[in-house]
């Protein structure tokens, strides 16, 4: 009787998994302020973000995302 060999499953790289988890955590931290505010969900400008620096960052992110 012959035995059939099962293909070996590749081992996971724990460093890559840790890096992926760190990246997901970073995305969560960055988006917490957006999720905590009601203004974006009601499509109203947030009065706390009206300085020239906020406008510059918004302009830069709008230009780069197109």
PDB file of N, CA and C in Angstrom:
ATOM      1  N   UNK A   1       0.842  -1.163   0.000  1.00  0.00           N
ATOM      2  CA  UNK A   1       0.000   0.000   0.000  1.00  0.00           C
ATOM      3  C   UNK A   1       0.899   1.242   0.000  1.00  0.00           C
ATOM      4  N   UNK A   2       0.582   2.170  -0.864  1.00  0.00           N
ATOM      5  CA  UNK A   2       1.392   3.387  -0.940  1.00  0.00           C
ATOM      6  C   UNK A   2       0.687   4.520  -0.198  1.00  0.00           C
ATOM      7  N   UNK A   3       1.481   5.322   0.433  1.00  0.00           N
ATOM      8  CA  UNK A   3       0.943   6.485   1.141  1.00  0.00           C
ATOM      9  C   UNK A   3       1.027   7.708   0.236  1.00  0.00           C
ATOM     10  N   UNK A   4      -0.018   8.474   0.242  1.00  0.00           N
ATOM     11  CA  UNK A   4       0.024   9.720  -0.520  1.00  0.00           C
ATOM     12  C   UNK A   4       0.509  10.829   0.404  1.00  0.00           C
ATOM     13  N   UNK A   5       1.404  11.621  -0.105  1.00  0.00           N
ATOM     14  CA  UNK A   5       1.957  12.718   0.680  1.00  0.00           C
ATOM     15  C   UNK A   5       1.104  13.971   0.481  1.00  0.00           C
ATOM     16  N   UNK A   6       0.739  14.558   1.567  1.00  0.00           N
ATOM     17  CA  UNK A   6      -0.013  15.802   1.500  1.00  0.00           C
ATOM     18  C   UNK A   6       0.962  16.950   1.241  1.00  0.00           C
ATOM     19  N   UNK A   7       0.529  17.902   0.450  1.00  0.00           N
ATOM     20  CA  UNK A   7       1.417  19.052   0.226  1.00  0.00           C
ATOM     21  C   UNK A   7       1.574  19.838   1.519  1.00  0.00           C
ATOM     22  N   UNK A   8       2.772  20.289   1.744  1.00  0.00           N
ATOM     23  CA  UNK A   8       3.047  21.067   2.951  1.00  0.00           C
ATOM     24  C   UNK A   8       2.428  22.444   2.834  1.00  0.00           C
ATOM     25  N   UNK A   9       1.790  22.868   3.896  1.00  0.00           N
ATOM     26  CA  UNK A   9       1.269  24.231   3.915  1.00  0.00           C
ATOM     27  C   UNK A   9       2.402  25.166   4.278  1.00  0.00           C
ATOM     28  N   UNK A  10       2.508  26.288   3.590  1.00  0.00           N
ATOM     29  CA  UNK A  10       3.603  27.212   3.898  1.00  0.00           C
ATOM     30  C   UNK A  10       3.431  27.802   5.299  1.00  0.00           C
ATOM     31  N   UNK A  11       4.530  27.991   5.961  1.00  0.00           N
ATOM     32  CA  UNK A  11       4.479  28.572   7.300  1.00  0.00           C
ATOM     33  C   UNK A  11       4.246  30.080   7.179  1.00  0.00           C
ATOM     34  N   UNK A  12       3.563  30.625   8.156  1.00  0.00           N
ATOM     35  CA  UNK A  12       3.263  32.058   8.140  1.00  0.00           C
ATOM     36  C   UNK A  12       4.470  32.833   8.649  1.00  0.00           C
ATOM     37  N   UNK A  13       4.670  33.992   8.079  1.00  0.00           N
ATOM     38  CA  UNK A  13       5.731  34.883   8.529  1.00  0.00           C
ATOM     39  C   UNK A  13       5.145  35.798   9.604  1.00  0.00           C
ATOM     40  N   UNK A  14       5.577  35.616  10.815  1.00  0.00           N
ATOM     41  CA  UNK A  14       5.008  36.376  11.932  1.00  0.00           C
ATOM     42  C   UNK A  14       5.352  37.855  11.842  1.00  0.00           C
ATOM     43  N   UNK A  15       6.500  38.181  11.265  1.00  0.00           N
ATOM     44  CA  UNK A  15       6.860  39.595  11.127  1.00  0.00           C
ATOM     45  C   UNK A  15       5.897  40.324  10.203  1.00  0.00           C
ATOM     46  N   UNK A  16       5.500  39.665   9.128  1.00  0.00           N
ATOM     47  CA  UNK A  16       4.560  40.280   8.197  1.00  0.00           C
ATOM     48  C   UNK A  16       3.193  40.436   8.861  1.00  0.00           C
ATOM     49  N   UNK A  17       2.773  39.431   9.625  1.00  0.00           N
ATOM     50  CA  UNK A  17       1.501  39.522  10.338  1.00  0.00           C
ATOM     51  C   UNK A  17       1.519  40.658  11.357  1.00  0.00           C
ATOM     52  N   UNK A  18       2.638  40.816  12.050  1.00  0.00           N
ATOM     53  CA  UNK A  18       2.755  41.893  13.031  1.00  0.00           C
ATOM     54  C   UNK A  18       2.728  43.253  12.340  1.00  0.00           C
ATOM     55  N   UNK A  19       3.396  43.369  11.214  1.00  0.00           N
ATOM     56  CA  UNK A  19       3.390  44.622  10.465  1.00  0.00           C
ATOM     57  C   UNK A  19       1.989  44.943   9.953  1.00  0.00           C
ATOM     58  N   UNK A  20       1.279  43.947   9.481  1.00  0.00           N
ATOM     59  CA  UNK A  20      -0.092  44.146   9.007  1.00  0.00           C
ATOM     60  C   UNK A  20      -1.002  44.587  10.157  1.00  0.00           C
ATOM     61  N   UNK A  21      -0.848  43.974  11.321  1.00  0.00           N
ATOM     62  CA  UNK A  21      -1.639  44.372  12.480  1.00  0.00           C
ATOM     63  C   UNK A  21      -1.328  45.794  12.920  1.00  0.00           C
ATOM     64  N   UNK A  22      -0.056  46.170  12.880  1.00  0.00           N
ATOM     65  CA  UNK A  22       0.342  47.534  13.236  1.00  0.00           C
ATOM     66  C   UNK A  22      -0.261  48.533  12.257  1.00  0.00           C
ATOM     67  N   UNK A  23      -0.283  48.198  10.971  1.00  0.00           N
ATOM     68  CA  UNK A  23      -0.861  49.085   9.966  1.00  0.00           C
ATOM     69  C   UNK A  23      -2.368  49.241  10.180  1.00  0.00           C
ATOM     70  N   UNK A  24      -3.058  48.160  10.470  1.00  0.00           N
ATOM     71  CA  UNK A  24      -4.500  48.245  10.724  1.00  0.00           C
ATOM     72  C   UNK A  24      -4.800  49.069  11.969  1.00  0.00           C
ATOM     73  N   UNK A  25      -3.973  48.918  12.991  1.00  0.00           N
ATOM     74  CA  UNK A  25      -4.148  49.718  14.198  1.00  0.00           C
ATOM     75  C   UNK A  25      -3.930  51.197  13.897  1.00  0.00           C
ATOM     76  N   UNK A  26      -2.954  51.516  13.067  1.00  0.00           N
ATOM     77  CA  UNK A  26      -2.695  52.898  12.678  1.00  0.00           C
ATOM     78  C   UNK A  26      -3.864  53.491  11.916  1.00  0.00           C
ATOM     79  N   UNK A  27      -4.462  52.707  11.028  1.00  0.00           N
ATOM     80  CA  UNK A  27      -5.635  53.172  10.288  1.00  0.00           C
ATOM     81  C   UNK A  27      -6.780  53.456  11.247  1.00  0.00           C
ATOM     82  N   UNK A  28      -6.964  52.608  12.229  1.00  0.00           N
ATOM     83  CA  UNK A  28      -8.021  52.820  13.221  1.00  0.00           C
ATOM     84  C   UNK A  28      -7.782  54.097  14.016  1.00  0.00           C
ATOM     85  N   UNK A  29      -6.549  54.319  14.450  1.00  0.00           N
ATOM     86  CA  UNK A  29      -6.239  55.508  15.252  1.00  0.00           C
ATOM     87  C   UNK A  29      -6.464  56.775  14.442  1.00  0.00           C
ATOM     88  N   UNK A  30      -6.070  56.764  13.177  1.00  0.00           N
ATOM     89  CA  UNK A  30      -6.238  57.949  12.336  1.00  0.00           C
ATOM     90  C   UNK A  30      -7.716  58.251  12.113  1.00  0.00           C
ATOM     91  N   UNK A  31      -8.536  57.227  11.979  1.00  0.00           N
ATOM     92  CA  UNK A  31      -9.952  57.432  11.689  1.00  0.00           C
ATOM     93  C   UNK A  31     -10.817  57.639  12.926  1.00  0.00           C
ATOM     94  N   UNK A  32     -10.276  57.498  14.115  1.00  0.00           N
ATOM     95  CA  UNK A  32     -11.078  57.675  15.323  1.00  0.00           C
ATOM     96  C   UNK A  32     -11.682  59.074  15.421  1.00  0.00           C
ATOM     97  N   UNK A  33     -10.923  60.085  15.078  1.00  0.00           N
ATOM     98  CA  UNK A  33     -11.446  61.452  15.155  1.00  0.00           C
ATOM     99  C   UNK A  33     -12.595  61.645  14.174  1.00  0.00           C
ATOM    100  N   UNK A  34     -12.497  61.038  13.007  1.00  0.00           N
ATOM    101  CA  UNK A  34     -13.572  61.148  12.020  1.00  0.00           C
ATOM    102  C   UNK A  34     -14.826  60.448  12.514  1.00  0.00           C
ATOM    103  N   UNK A  35     -14.661  59.264  13.081  1.00  0.00           N
ATOM    104  CA  UNK A  35     -15.809  58.503  13.567  1.00  0.00           C
ATOM    105  C   UNK A  35     -16.431  59.133  14.807  1.00  0.00           C
ATOM    106  N   UNK A  36     -15.646  59.856  15.595  1.00  0.00           N
ATOM    107  CA  UNK A  36     -16.148  60.447  16.829  1.00  0.00           C
ATOM    108  C   UNK A  36     -16.952  61.721  16.585  1.00  0.00           C
ATOM    109  N   UNK A  37     -16.774  62.329  15.415  1.00  0.00           N
ATOM    110  CA  UNK A  37     -17.466  63.580  15.117  1.00  0.00           C
ATOM    111  C   UNK A  37     -18.736  63.307  14.323  1.00  0.00           C
ATOM    112  N   UNK A  38     -19.796  64.038  14.635  1.00  0.00           N
ATOM    113  CA  UNK A  38     -21.045  63.907  13.884  1.00  0.00           C
ATOM    114  C   UNK A  38     -21.067  64.765  12.627  1.00  0.00           C
ATOM    115  N   UNK A  39     -20.182  65.718  12.523  1.00  0.00           N
ATOM    116  CA  UNK A  39     -20.230  66.655  11.404  1.00  0.00           C
ATOM    117  C   UNK A  39     -20.071  65.985  10.033  1.00  0.00           C
ATOM    118  N   UNK A  40     -19.105  65.097   9.821  1.00  0.00           N
ATOM    119  CA  UNK A  40     -18.968  64.505   8.485  1.00  0.00           C
ATOM    120  C   UNK A  40     -20.181  63.684   8.065  1.00  0.00           C
ATOM    121  N   UNK A  41     -20.851  63.050   9.005  1.00  0.00           N
ATOM    122  CA  UNK A  41     -21.989  62.214   8.662  1.00  0.00           C
ATOM    123  C   UNK A  41     -23.205  63.033   8.263  1.00  0.00           C
ATOM    124  N   UNK A  42     -23.259  64.299   8.710  1.00  0.00           N
ATOM    125  CA  UNK A  42     -24.368  65.180   8.355  1.00  0.00           C
ATOM    126  C   UNK A  42     -23.997  66.144   7.231  1.00  0.00           C
ATOM    127  N   UNK A  43     -22.798  65.947   6.665  1.00  0.00           N
ATOM    128  CA  UNK A  43     -22.291  66.760   5.559  1.00  0.00           C
ATOM    129  C   UNK A  43     -22.259  68.245   5.905  1.00  0.00           C
ATOM    130  N   UNK A  44     -21.816  68.537   7.119  1.00  0.00           N
ATOM    131  CA  UNK A  44     -21.680  69.900   7.601  1.00  0.00           C
ATOM    132  C   UNK A  44     -20.212  70.114   7.964  1.00  0.00           C
ATOM    133  N   UNK A  45     -19.696  71.287   7.661  1.00  0.00           N
ATOM    134  CA  UNK A  45     -18.302  71.591   7.999  1.00  0.00           C
ATOM    135  C   UNK A  45     -18.131  71.656   9.518  1.00  0.00           C
ATOM    136  N   UNK A  46     -17.076  71.055  10.007  1.00  0.00           N
ATOM    137  CA  UNK A  46     -16.781  71.046  11.435  1.00  0.00           C
ATOM    138  C   UNK A  46     -16.204  72.405  11.822  1.00  0.00           C
ATOM    139  N   UNK A  47     -16.818  73.135  12.764  1.00  0.00           N
ATOM    140  CA  UNK A  47     -16.313  74.464  13.116  1.00  0.00           C
ATOM    141  C   UNK A  47     -14.952  74.427  13.819  1.00  0.00           C
ATOM    142  N   UNK A  48     -14.546  73.284  14.310  1.00  0.00           N
ATOM    143  CA  UNK A  48     -13.247  73.189  14.971  1.00  0.00           C
ATOM    144  C   UNK A  48     -12.098  73.151  13.971  1.00  0.00           C
ATOM    145  N   UNK A  49     -12.405  72.932  12.696  1.00  0.00           N
ATOM    146  CA  UNK A  49     -11.363  72.817  11.675  1.00  0.00           C
ATOM    147  C   UNK A  49     -11.567  73.890  10.623  1.00  0.00           C
ATOM    148  N   UNK A  50     -11.160  75.095  10.927  1.00  0.00           N
ATOM    149  CA  UNK A  50     -11.359  76.182   9.988  1.00  0.00           C
ATOM    150  C   UNK A  50     -10.131  77.057   9.798  1.00  0.00           C
ATOM    151  N   UNK A  51      -8.972  76.621  10.254  1.00  0.00           N
ATOM    152  CA  UNK A  51      -7.774  77.447  10.124  1.00  0.00           C
ATOM    153  C   UNK A  51      -7.173  77.295   8.732  1.00  0.00           C
ATOM    154  N   UNK A  52      -6.199  78.122   8.426  1.00  0.00           N
ATOM    155  CA  UNK A  52      -5.541  78.064   7.119  1.00  0.00           C
ATOM    156  C   UNK A  52      -4.787  76.746   6.944  1.00  0.00           C
ATOM    157  N   UNK A  53      -4.272  76.198   8.052  1.00  0.00           N
ATOM    158  CA  UNK A  53      -3.555  74.931   7.970  1.00  0.00           C
ATOM    159  C   UNK A  53      -4.508  73.784   7.623  1.00  0.00           C
ATOM    160  N   UNK A  54      -5.677  73.783   8.231  1.00  0.00           N
ATOM    161  CA  UNK A  54      -6.676  72.764   7.902  1.00  0.00           C
ATOM    162  C   UNK A  54      -7.112  72.866   6.446  1.00  0.00           C
ATOM    163  N   UNK A  55      -7.301  74.099   5.964  1.00  0.00           N
ATOM    164  CA  UNK A  55      -7.678  74.286   4.569  1.00  0.00           C
ATOM    165  C   UNK A  55      -6.575  73.833   3.622  1.00  0.00           C
ATOM    166  N   UNK A  56      -5.327  74.077   3.990  1.00  0.00           N
ATOM    167  CA  UNK A  56      -4.196  73.658   3.155  1.00  0.00           C
ATOM    168  C   UNK A  56      -4.094  72.139   3.075  1.00  0.00           C
ATOM    169  N   UNK A  57      -4.273  71.477   4.197  1.00  0.00           N
ATOM    170  CA  UNK A  57      -4.207  70.017   4.213  1.00  0.00           C
ATOM    171  C   UNK A  57      -5.364  69.426   3.417  1.00  0.00           C
ATOM    172  N   UNK A  58      -6.539  69.996   3.550  1.00  0.00           N
ATOM    173  CA  UNK A  58      -7.690  69.509   2.777  1.00  0.00           C
ATOM    174  C   UNK A  58      -7.467  69.715   1.283  1.00  0.00           C
ATOM    175  N   UNK A  59      -6.923  70.853   0.895  1.00  0.00           N
ATOM    176  CA  UNK A  59      -6.637  71.107  -0.510  1.00  0.00           C
ATOM    177  C   UNK A  59      -5.612  70.107  -1.032  1.00  0.00           C
ATOM    178  N   UNK A  60      -4.559  69.855  -0.246  1.00  0.00           N
ATOM    179  CA  UNK A  60      -3.538  68.899  -0.662  1.00  0.00           C
ATOM    180  C   UNK A  60      -4.070  67.482  -0.791  1.00  0.00           C
ATOM    181  N   UNK A  61      -4.920  67.085   0.125  1.00  0.00           N
ATOM    182  CA  UNK A  61      -5.451  65.712   0.054  1.00  0.00           C
ATOM    183  C   UNK A  61      -6.466  65.583  -1.077  1.00  0.00           C
ATOM    184  N   UNK A  62      -7.200  66.661  -1.378  1.00  0.00           N
ATOM    185  CA  UNK A  62      -8.138  66.602  -2.505  1.00  0.00           C
ATOM    186  C   UNK A  62      -7.401  66.520  -3.835  1.00  0.00           C
ATOM    187  N   UNK A  63      -6.313  67.250  -3.962  1.00  0.00           N
ATOM    188  CA  UNK A  63      -5.545  67.228  -5.219  1.00  0.00           C
ATOM    189  C   UNK A  63      -4.878  65.871  -5.433  1.00  0.00           C
ATOM    190  N   UNK A  64      -4.372  65.275  -4.381  1.00  0.00           N
ATOM    191  CA  UNK A  64      -3.656  64.003  -4.507  1.00  0.00           C
ATOM    192  C   UNK A  64      -4.579  62.822  -4.694  1.00  0.00           C
ATOM    193  N   UNK A  65      -5.824  62.924  -4.282  1.00  0.00           N
ATOM    194  CA  UNK A  65      -6.726  61.784  -4.356  1.00  0.00           C
ATOM    195  C   UNK A  65      -7.397  61.660  -5.715  1.00  0.00           C
ATOM    196  N   UNK A  66      -7.226  62.613  -6.591  1.00  0.00           N
ATOM    197  CA  UNK A  66      -7.872  62.559  -7.911  1.00  0.00           C
ATOM    198  C   UNK A  66      -7.000  61.950  -8.930  1.00  0.00           C
TER     199      UNK A  66
END
